[in-house]
Amino acid sequence: MASVRMRKYSEGKTNAHSVQIGLVELYFSYETCIAFDDGHERVISENVWSTTTGRHLNAICDDKSIRLPNAEFQKRLSALTFA
């Protein structure tokens, strides 16, 4: 069984948490997954939500040029496997 760990990824941001399941880390803004790291690369959605979620995205990585269109992000998120 894969280990599971939850943490805040941005100090002071009460709604900015990540959950790690095995090698995969999922980043959440409130209850929405906005980024993930599959152990090989970090995949981040563009901001289609609020200013607060934009701050959460910047806490993960402030390089907006690497963010994927949300439809592509959702497709990649759906394809994740957990070992």
Protein backbone atom coordinates (compact mmCIF):
# COMPACT_ATOMS: atom_id res chain seq x y z
CA MET A 1 0.00 0.00 0.00
CA ALA A 2 1.32 3.46 -0.91
CA SER A 3 2.05 5.91 1.88
CA VAL A 4 -0.17 9.00 2.18
CA ARG A 5 0.92 12.41 3.50
CA MET A 6 -0.87 15.77 3.69
CA ARG A 7 0.81 19.16 4.16
CA LYS A 8 0.41 22.88 3.61
CA TYR A 9 2.47 23.93 0.59
CA SER A 10 2.26 27.64 1.37
CA GLU A 11 2.65 29.01 4.87
CA GLY A 12 -0.26 31.10 6.02
CA LYS A 13 -2.52 29.83 3.22
CA THR A 14 -5.09 27.77 5.08
CA ASN A 15 -6.68 26.43 1.89
CA ALA A 16 -3.42 25.49 0.14
CA HIS A 17 -2.71 21.81 0.83
CA SER A 18 -1.05 18.96 -0.95
CA VAL A 19 -1.62 15.25 -0.60
CA GLN A 20 1.12 12.80 -1.48
CA ILE A 21 0.11 9.27 -2.41
CA GLY A 22 3.19 7.18 -3.11
CA LEU A 23 5.28 9.19 -5.57
CA VAL A 24 2.39 11.41 -6.72
CA GLU A 25 1.78 14.76 -5.01
CA LEU A 26 -1.54 16.52 -5.69
CA TYR A 27 -1.80 20.26 -4.96
CA PHE A 28 -5.17 21.68 -3.92
CA SER A 29 -6.66 25.13 -3.69
CA TYR A 30 -9.63 24.64 -1.41
CA GLU A 31 -11.03 21.31 -2.71
CA THR A 32 -9.82 21.67 -6.32
CA CYS A 33 -6.70 19.97 -7.64
CA ILE A 34 -4.70 22.67 -9.44
CA ALA A 35 -1.34 20.93 -9.93
CA PHE A 36 0.40 17.60 -9.48
CA ASP A 37 3.86 16.12 -9.44
CA ASP A 38 4.04 12.54 -10.70
CA GLY A 39 7.59 11.97 -9.53
CA HIS A 40 8.99 12.96 -12.93
CA GLU A 41 7.50 16.38 -13.62
CA ARG A 42 5.28 19.00 -12.06
CA VAL A 43 2.13 19.71 -14.07
CA ILE A 44 0.27 22.95 -13.31
CA SER A 45 -3.03 24.29 -14.62
CA GLU A 46 -3.55 27.81 -15.82
CA ASN A 47 -5.68 29.87 -13.44
CA VAL A 48 -9.33 29.58 -14.44
CA TRP A 49 -10.52 30.24 -10.89
CA SER A 50 -10.00 33.14 -8.47
CA THR A 51 -7.31 35.55 -7.36
CA THR A 52 -6.77 33.42 -4.27
CA THR A 53 -6.19 30.32 -6.37
CA GLY A 54 -3.78 32.40 -8.46
CA ARG A 55 -1.78 33.03 -5.30
CA HIS A 56 -1.84 29.31 -4.55
CA LEU A 57 -0.58 28.57 -8.08
CA ASN A 58 2.22 31.11 -7.62
CA ALA A 59 3.22 29.39 -4.36
CA ILE A 60 3.65 26.15 -6.32
CA CYS A 61 5.57 27.85 -9.15
CA ASP A 62 5.41 31.46 -10.27
CA ASP A 63 6.50 30.68 -13.86
CA LYS A 64 3.20 31.10 -15.72
CA SER A 65 4.77 29.98 -19.02
CA ILE A 66 4.75 26.33 -17.93
CA ARG A 67 1.05 26.23 -17.00
CA LEU A 68 -1.19 24.09 -19.18
CA PRO A 69 -4.62 25.03 -20.48
CA ASN A 70 -7.08 23.64 -17.95
CA ALA A 71 -8.59 21.09 -20.37
CA GLU A 72 -5.12 19.60 -21.00
CA PHE A 73 -4.35 19.65 -17.27
CA GLN A 74 -7.61 17.80 -16.51
CA LYS A 75 -6.79 15.19 -19.16
CA ARG A 76 -3.33 14.59 -17.66
CA LEU A 77 -4.75 14.52 -14.12
CA SER A 78 -7.32 11.90 -15.17
CA ALA A 79 -4.56 9.71 -16.61
CA LEU A 80 -2.58 9.55 -13.36
CA THR A 81 -1.97 6.17 -11.79
CA PHE A 82 -1.07 5.59 -8.16
CA ALA A 83 1.27 2.82 -7.14
